[in-house]
Protein backbone atom coordinates (compact mmCIF):
# COMPACT_ATOMS: atom_id res chain seq x y z
CA MET A 1 51.82 -29.17 -6.08
CA GLY A 2 50.68 -32.36 -4.89
CA THR A 3 47.63 -33.45 -2.89
CA GLY A 4 47.65 -32.55 0.86
CA GLN A 5 50.70 -29.98 0.75
CA GLN A 6 50.52 -26.54 2.40
CA PHE A 7 51.59 -23.55 0.72
CA THR A 8 51.44 -19.75 0.75
CA VAL A 9 50.14 -17.08 -1.44
CA ASP A 10 51.32 -13.37 -1.04
CA VAL A 11 48.97 -10.84 -1.86
CA TRP A 12 51.43 -8.02 -3.33
CA ILE A 13 51.31 -4.38 -3.81
CA GLU A 14 53.14 -1.96 -5.91
CA PRO A 15 52.56 1.33 -5.32
CA VAL A 16 53.31 4.23 -7.62
CA VAL A 17 51.64 6.90 -4.87
CA THR A 18 51.43 6.79 -1.28
CA THR A 19 48.87 4.27 0.37
CA SER A 20 47.62 4.46 3.51
CA ALA A 21 44.82 1.73 3.40
CA PHE A 22 43.80 -1.21 1.76
CA GLN A 23 41.14 -3.87 1.37
CA PHE A 24 40.35 -7.13 -0.41
CA ASP A 25 38.54 -9.98 -0.61
CA LEU A 26 39.18 -13.53 -2.09
CA SER A 27 37.75 -16.69 -3.73
CA PHE A 28 39.12 -20.32 -3.83
CA ASP A 29 37.80 -23.60 -5.11
CA PRO A 30 37.06 -25.22 -1.61
CA THR A 31 36.78 -28.69 -2.93
CA LEU A 32 40.44 -28.48 -3.79
CA LEU A 33 41.77 -25.90 -1.05
CA MET A 34 41.36 -25.37 2.42
CA ALA A 35 42.52 -21.42 3.73
CA ASN A 36 44.50 -22.31 7.01
CA SER A 37 45.35 -18.56 7.97
CA VAL A 38 45.96 -15.27 6.94
CA SER A 39 48.54 -13.08 8.28
CA ARG A 40 50.12 -9.71 8.04
CA GLY A 41 52.43 -9.07 5.32
CA THR A 42 55.93 -6.77 4.54
CA PHE A 43 53.92 -3.82 3.34
CA PRO A 44 52.41 -2.31 6.47
CA PRO A 45 55.07 -1.65 8.94
CA PRO A 46 53.36 -3.20 12.01
CA SER A 47 54.05 -0.63 14.51
CA THR A 48 51.95 2.18 12.70
CA TRP A 49 49.60 0.03 10.60
CA PHE A 50 46.61 -1.59 12.19
CA PHE A 51 45.73 -5.17 10.37
CA SER A 52 42.81 -7.24 10.28
CA ALA A 53 43.10 -11.06 9.06
CA GLY A 54 39.39 -11.19 8.02
CA ASN A 55 37.09 -14.11 7.74
CA ILE A 56 37.60 -17.66 6.06
CA ASN A 57 34.93 -19.70 4.95
CA ASN A 58 35.84 -23.05 3.97
CA THR A 59 32.62 -24.27 2.74
CA THR A 60 31.94 -21.39 0.26
CA GLY A 61 35.39 -20.43 -0.58
CA GLN A 62 35.92 -16.96 0.38
CA ILE A 63 38.34 -14.90 2.34
CA SER A 64 36.67 -11.66 3.22
CA ASP A 65 37.19 -8.36 5.00
CA VAL A 66 41.37 -8.32 5.21
CA TYR A 67 42.30 -4.90 5.69
CA GLY A 68 44.65 -2.64 6.69
CA PHE A 69 45.25 1.09 7.35
CA LYS A 70 47.71 3.41 8.86
CA MET A 71 46.99 4.92 12.13
CA GLY A 72 47.99 8.97 12.02
CA SER A 73 49.28 10.37 8.86
CA GLY A 74 51.23 9.38 5.97
CA GLY A 75 51.73 5.93 4.31
CA ASN A 76 53.77 3.82 2.50
CA SER A 77 54.97 3.83 -0.94
CA ASN A 78 57.06 0.86 -1.00
CA PRO A 79 56.45 -2.60 -2.59
CA GLY A 80 55.42 -5.44 -0.43
CA SER A 81 53.00 -8.05 0.74
CA LEU A 82 49.55 -7.00 1.95
CA ALA A 83 48.78 -10.24 3.73
CA ILE A 84 50.37 -14.02 3.38
CA ILE A 85 47.10 -16.52 2.95
CA THR A 86 48.24 -20.15 3.95
CA PHE A 87 46.36 -23.08 2.28
CA THR A 88 46.43 -26.65 2.49
CA SER A 89 45.64 -28.74 -0.96
CA LYS A 90 42.63 -31.32 -0.26
CA TYR A 91 42.78 -35.01 -1.96
CA LYS A 92 41.80 -33.75 -5.43
CA GLY A 93 43.48 -32.78 -8.41
CA GLY A 94 42.31 -29.41 -10.18
CA THR A 95 42.90 -26.18 -10.78
CA SER A 96 41.41 -23.31 -8.34
CA TYR A 97 41.56 -19.82 -9.36
CA LEU A 98 42.26 -17.04 -6.73
CA PRO A 99 40.80 -13.52 -7.86
CA LEU A 100 40.92 -10.53 -5.50
CA TYR A 101 37.67 -8.63 -5.13
CA ASP A 102 36.34 -5.65 -3.44
CA VAL A 103 39.67 -4.47 -3.38
CA LEU A 104 40.34 -1.30 -2.14
CA VAL A 105 43.67 1.15 -1.72
CA ALA A 106 43.38 4.69 -0.63
CA ASN A 107 45.75 7.69 -0.06
CA PRO A 108 46.49 9.47 3.04
CA ASP A 109 43.58 12.11 2.12
CA GLY A 110 41.32 8.82 2.04
CA LEU A 111 40.95 8.90 -2.30
CA SER A 112 40.67 5.36 -4.11
CA LEU A 113 43.39 4.93 -6.04
CA PRO A 114 43.17 2.98 -8.98
CA VAL A 115 44.19 -0.45 -8.88
CA ALA A 116 45.53 -3.46 -11.75
CA LEU A 117 44.95 -6.59 -10.89
CA THR A 118 46.59 -10.01 -11.48
CA ASP A 119 45.09 -13.08 -11.81
CA TRP A 120 46.21 -15.62 -9.92
CA HIS A 121 45.44 -19.84 -10.10
CA VAL A 122 46.88 -22.85 -8.27
CA THR A 123 46.86 -26.27 -9.87
CA VAL A 124 46.67 -29.29 -7.75
CA GLU A 125 47.99 -32.64 -9.13
CA THR A 126 45.61 -35.52 -9.47
CA PRO A 127 47.00 -38.21 -6.78
CA THR A 128 48.10 -41.22 -8.31
CA PRO A 129 47.02 -44.40 -7.15
CA THR A 130 49.45 -46.48 -5.10
CA PRO A 131 49.48 -50.39 -6.41
CA THR A 132 48.26 -52.95 -3.65
CA PRO A 133 51.32 -55.54 -3.88
CA THR A 134 50.22 -59.02 -4.71
CA PRO A 135 51.02 -61.89 -2.48
CA THR A 136 52.99 -64.65 -3.94
CA PRO A 137 52.82 -68.24 -2.80
CA THR A 138 55.65 -69.90 -1.38
CA PRO A 139 56.90 -73.42 -2.56
C-alpha cells in the first residue's frame, strides 16, 4: 500500500458455538498508521446487539475497549465481522503489526470461550521522491 491511503481492517469471528458477547483491544504502529474510526461489523445484528466502538489513541497506537453484547437471551453462531477499523497510512514506509489483545468471547451463559487469533500486519511502501525538473536554457 502506498503512503497517505485509507484502508479498512475487519476483525472477523468464526464461532463454533453460539456467542453472545465479545471484547478486544488492538495495537498498531502510530508512526506508520493513523486510526480514523471503529464501526460495527456484520456479526452482531444491529437490532439486538449493543456495540461500543471503544477508544482510539493515535499517540500510543492503541484501540481499546471495543465490545458488543447480545441484549436479552440467545446469541449468534454465524461468522462475520465484529468491527471494521478504518486507518490512513502515514507518509513513511514500514510494516505495522496489528495484534489483538485482551480478547474475550462469551457464550449466552456468560462463560468465556476459547479463542484462536491470527496475526495481521500491513506494509506501507516507502514513498519514491519525485524528481525536480531541471530548467534548460533556451537559445
